[in-house]
Amino acid sequence: MLNQYKNQIETALDAIRPYLEADGGNVKVVELSDDMVLKLELTGTCSSCPMSTMTLKAGVEEAIKKAIPEITKVEAVNVEIA
């Protein structure tokens, strides 16, 4: 499933990566499930930032869903709850 959408996902992520990188973080794709849930890994400072949940919902998920409406949900696999 991921291969079909990989370029679109990476393009959407590239639009927000500069903001993540400015704070010492980044994001990488882990998997796209059959039910269109995209799992991402937040890396660098994003993995332990108290604002990472908000960043994921307000920034990353919004950018992904705007580019690929078929994706129903975006989840981070490694976010530590602060």
N, C-alpha and C. Protein backbone atom coordinates (compact mmCIF):
# COMPACT_ATOMS: atom_id res chain seq x y z
N MET A 1 0.83 -1.20 0.00
CA MET A 1 0.00 0.00 0.00
C MET A 1 0.87 1.26 0.00
N LEU A 2 1.95 1.23 0.78
CA LEU A 2 2.80 2.41 0.90
C LEU A 2 3.42 2.81 -0.42
N ASN A 3 3.87 1.85 -1.21
CA ASN A 3 4.53 2.17 -2.48
C ASN A 3 3.65 3.01 -3.39
N GLN A 4 2.36 2.75 -3.37
CA GLN A 4 1.41 3.47 -4.23
C GLN A 4 1.36 4.96 -3.88
N TYR A 5 1.55 5.30 -2.61
CA TYR A 5 1.41 6.68 -2.14
C TYR A 5 2.72 7.32 -1.69
N LYS A 6 3.82 6.57 -1.76
CA LYS A 6 5.09 7.03 -1.18
C LYS A 6 5.51 8.41 -1.68
N ASN A 7 5.48 8.64 -3.00
CA ASN A 7 5.91 9.93 -3.52
C ASN A 7 5.03 11.07 -3.03
N GLN A 8 3.72 10.85 -3.01
CA GLN A 8 2.80 11.88 -2.53
C GLN A 8 3.03 12.19 -1.05
N ILE A 9 3.26 11.15 -0.26
CA ILE A 9 3.50 11.33 1.17
C ILE A 9 4.79 12.12 1.37
N GLU A 10 5.86 11.72 0.68
CA GLU A 10 7.14 12.40 0.84
C GLU A 10 7.05 13.86 0.39
N THR A 11 6.30 14.13 -0.66
CA THR A 11 6.13 15.51 -1.13
C THR A 11 5.41 16.34 -0.07
N ALA A 12 4.37 15.77 0.54
CA ALA A 12 3.64 16.48 1.59
C ALA A 12 4.53 16.71 2.81
N LEU A 13 5.32 15.71 3.16
CA LEU A 13 6.22 15.87 4.31
C LEU A 13 7.32 16.88 4.02
N ASP A 14 7.79 16.91 2.77
CA ASP A 14 8.83 17.87 2.41
C ASP A 14 8.37 19.31 2.60
N ALA A 15 7.07 19.55 2.50
CA ALA A 15 6.53 20.89 2.68
C ALA A 15 6.63 21.36 4.13
N ILE A 16 6.61 20.41 5.07
CA ILE A 16 6.67 20.80 6.48
C ILE A 16 8.01 20.49 7.14
N ARG A 17 8.85 19.73 6.47
CA ARG A 17 10.15 19.37 7.05
C ARG A 17 10.99 20.57 7.49
N PRO A 18 11.03 21.66 6.71
CA PRO A 18 11.86 22.79 7.15
C PRO A 18 11.47 23.31 8.55
N TYR A 19 10.20 23.24 8.88
CA TYR A 19 9.75 23.69 10.20
C TYR A 19 10.21 22.74 11.29
N LEU A 20 10.14 21.44 11.00
CA LEU A 20 10.62 20.45 11.97
C LEU A 20 12.13 20.54 12.14
N GLU A 21 12.83 20.67 11.01
CA GLU A 21 14.29 20.74 11.05
C GLU A 21 14.78 21.99 11.76
N ALA A 22 14.02 23.07 11.67
CA ALA A 22 14.40 24.32 12.35
C ALA A 22 14.46 24.12 13.87
N ASP A 23 13.68 23.16 14.36
CA ASP A 23 13.68 22.86 15.79
C ASP A 23 14.49 21.60 16.12
N GLY A 24 15.27 21.13 15.16
CA GLY A 24 16.13 19.97 15.40
C GLY A 24 15.45 18.63 15.25
N GLY A 25 14.33 18.59 14.56
CA GLY A 25 13.60 17.33 14.41
C GLY A 25 13.37 16.98 12.96
N ASN A 26 12.67 15.88 12.76
CA ASN A 26 12.31 15.44 11.42
C ASN A 26 11.24 14.36 11.57
N VAL A 27 10.84 13.79 10.44
CA VAL A 27 9.82 12.76 10.45
C VAL A 27 10.14 11.76 9.34
N LYS A 28 9.88 10.49 9.62
CA LYS A 28 10.06 9.50 8.55
C LYS A 28 8.88 8.54 8.54
N VAL A 29 8.59 8.04 7.35
CA VAL A 29 7.45 7.14 7.15
C VAL A 29 7.81 5.75 7.64
N VAL A 30 6.90 5.16 8.42
CA VAL A 30 7.08 3.79 8.91
C VAL A 30 6.24 2.84 8.08
N GLU A 31 4.94 3.11 7.99
CA GLU A 31 4.06 2.24 7.20
C GLU A 31 2.74 2.93 6.90
N LEU A 32 2.08 2.42 5.89
CA LEU A 32 0.71 2.83 5.56
C LEU A 32 -0.11 1.55 5.57
N SER A 33 -1.04 1.47 6.52
CA SER A 33 -1.83 0.24 6.67
C SER A 33 -2.88 0.11 5.57
N ASP A 34 -3.46 -1.06 5.48
CA ASP A 34 -4.51 -1.31 4.49
C ASP A 34 -5.74 -0.43 4.72
N ASP A 35 -5.96 -0.02 5.98
CA ASP A 35 -7.09 0.86 6.26
C ASP A 35 -6.69 2.34 6.22
N MET A 36 -5.56 2.61 5.54
CA MET A 36 -5.11 3.97 5.23
C MET A 36 -4.74 4.79 6.47
N VAL A 37 -4.14 4.14 7.45
CA VAL A 37 -3.57 4.83 8.61
C VAL A 37 -2.07 4.91 8.37
N LEU A 38 -1.56 6.14 8.33
CA LEU A 38 -0.14 6.37 8.09
C LEU A 38 0.58 6.44 9.42
N LYS A 39 1.61 5.62 9.57
CA LYS A 39 2.41 5.63 10.80
C LYS A 39 3.75 6.29 10.49
N LEU A 40 4.09 7.26 11.33
CA LEU A 40 5.31 8.02 11.16
C LEU A 40 6.16 7.92 12.41
N GLU A 41 7.45 8.10 12.23
CA GLU A 41 8.36 8.19 13.36
C GLU A 41 8.89 9.62 13.42
N LEU A 42 8.67 10.27 14.54
CA LEU A 42 9.25 11.59 14.76
C LEU A 42 10.67 11.39 15.26
N THR A 43 11.60 12.10 14.67
CA THR A 43 13.01 11.90 15.00
C THR A 43 13.62 13.18 15.54
N GLY A 44 14.82 13.05 16.09
CA GLY A 44 15.51 14.19 16.66
C GLY A 44 14.74 14.71 17.86
N THR A 45 14.72 16.03 18.02
CA THR A 45 14.05 16.62 19.18
C THR A 45 12.54 16.41 19.14
N CYS A 46 11.99 16.11 17.96
CA CYS A 46 10.53 15.91 17.85
C CYS A 46 10.07 14.68 18.62
N SER A 47 10.94 13.69 18.80
CA SER A 47 10.51 12.46 19.45
C SER A 47 10.23 12.64 20.94
N SER A 48 10.79 13.67 21.56
CA SER A 48 10.57 13.87 22.99
C SER A 48 10.00 15.24 23.34
N CYS A 49 9.66 16.01 22.33
CA CYS A 49 9.13 17.36 22.56
C CYS A 49 7.72 17.29 23.11
N PRO A 50 7.42 18.08 24.15
CA PRO A 50 6.06 18.09 24.70
C PRO A 50 5.01 18.56 23.69
N MET A 51 5.42 19.29 22.68
CA MET A 51 4.49 19.80 21.68
C MET A 51 4.34 18.85 20.48
N SER A 52 5.01 17.71 20.51
CA SER A 52 5.02 16.84 19.33
C SER A 52 3.64 16.32 18.95
N THR A 53 2.78 16.07 19.92
CA THR A 53 1.43 15.61 19.60
C THR A 53 0.68 16.68 18.83
N MET A 54 0.81 17.93 19.27
CA MET A 54 0.15 19.03 18.57
C MET A 54 0.78 19.23 17.19
N THR A 55 2.08 19.13 17.10
CA THR A 55 2.76 19.25 15.81
C THR A 55 2.26 18.19 14.85
N LEU A 56 2.13 16.98 15.35
CA LEU A 56 1.67 15.88 14.51
C LEU A 56 0.26 16.16 14.00
N LYS A 57 -0.65 16.55 14.88
CA LYS A 57 -2.04 16.77 14.49
C LYS A 57 -2.21 18.03 13.65
N ALA A 58 -1.65 19.13 14.11
CA ALA A 58 -1.90 20.41 13.45
C ALA A 58 -1.07 20.60 12.19
N GLY A 59 0.12 20.04 12.16
CA GLY A 59 0.99 20.26 11.02
C GLY A 59 1.09 19.08 10.09
N VAL A 60 1.59 17.98 10.61
CA VAL A 60 1.89 16.82 9.78
C VAL A 60 0.61 16.19 9.24
N GLU A 61 -0.34 15.88 10.11
CA GLU A 61 -1.57 15.22 9.66
C GLU A 61 -2.34 16.11 8.68
N GLU A 62 -2.39 17.39 8.96
CA GLU A 62 -3.11 18.31 8.07
C GLU A 62 -2.47 18.33 6.68
N ALA A 63 -1.15 18.39 6.62
CA ALA A 63 -0.45 18.42 5.33
C ALA A 63 -0.66 17.12 4.56
N ILE A 64 -0.61 16.00 5.26
CA ILE A 64 -0.79 14.69 4.63
C ILE A 64 -2.21 14.54 4.09
N LYS A 65 -3.20 14.84 4.93
CA LYS A 65 -4.60 14.67 4.51
C LYS A 65 -4.98 15.62 3.39
N LYS A 66 -4.38 16.79 3.36
CA LYS A 66 -4.66 17.74 2.29
C LYS A 66 -4.11 17.21 0.96
N ALA A 67 -2.93 16.60 1.02
CA ALA A 67 -2.29 16.06 -0.19
C ALA A 67 -2.90 14.72 -0.61
N ILE A 68 -3.27 13.90 0.37
CA ILE A 68 -3.78 12.56 0.09
C ILE A 68 -5.02 12.32 0.95
N PRO A 69 -6.19 12.76 0.49
CA PRO A 69 -7.41 12.64 1.29
C PRO A 69 -7.79 11.20 1.64
N GLU A 70 -7.26 10.24 0.90
CA GLU A 70 -7.58 8.83 1.19
C GLU A 70 -7.02 8.38 2.54
N ILE A 71 -5.99 9.05 3.03
CA ILE A 71 -5.41 8.69 4.32
C ILE A 71 -6.37 9.16 5.41
N THR A 72 -6.77 8.21 6.26
CA THR A 72 -7.79 8.50 7.27
C THR A 72 -7.21 9.01 8.58
N LYS A 73 -5.97 8.64 8.89
CA LYS A 73 -5.39 9.00 10.18
C LYS A 73 -3.87 8.97 10.07
N VAL A 74 -3.22 9.82 10.86
CA VAL A 74 -1.77 9.83 10.94
C VAL A 74 -1.41 9.62 12.41
N GLU A 75 -0.53 8.64 12.65
CA GLU A 75 -0.11 8.32 14.02
C GLU A 75 1.40 8.34 14.10
N ALA A 76 1.91 8.75 15.25
CA ALA A 76 3.34 8.66 15.50
C ALA A 76 3.58 7.40 16.32
N VAL A 77 4.60 6.64 15.96
CA VAL A 77 4.85 5.38 16.64
C VAL A 77 5.76 5.52 17.84
N ASN A 78 6.39 6.68 18.01
CA ASN A 78 7.39 6.80 19.08
C ASN A 78 7.25 8.04 19.94
N VAL A 79 6.11 8.67 19.95
CA VAL A 79 5.96 9.90 20.74
C VAL A 79 5.90 9.56 22.22
N GLU A 80 6.74 10.26 22.98
CA GLU A 80 6.74 10.10 24.44
C GLU A 80 5.77 11.14 24.99
N ILE A 81 4.84 10.70 25.82
CA ILE A 81 3.89 11.63 26.42
C ILE A 81 4.61 12.38 27.54
N ALA A 82 4.62 13.69 27.42
CA ALA A 82 5.35 14.51 28.39
C ALA A 82 4.50 14.77 29.62
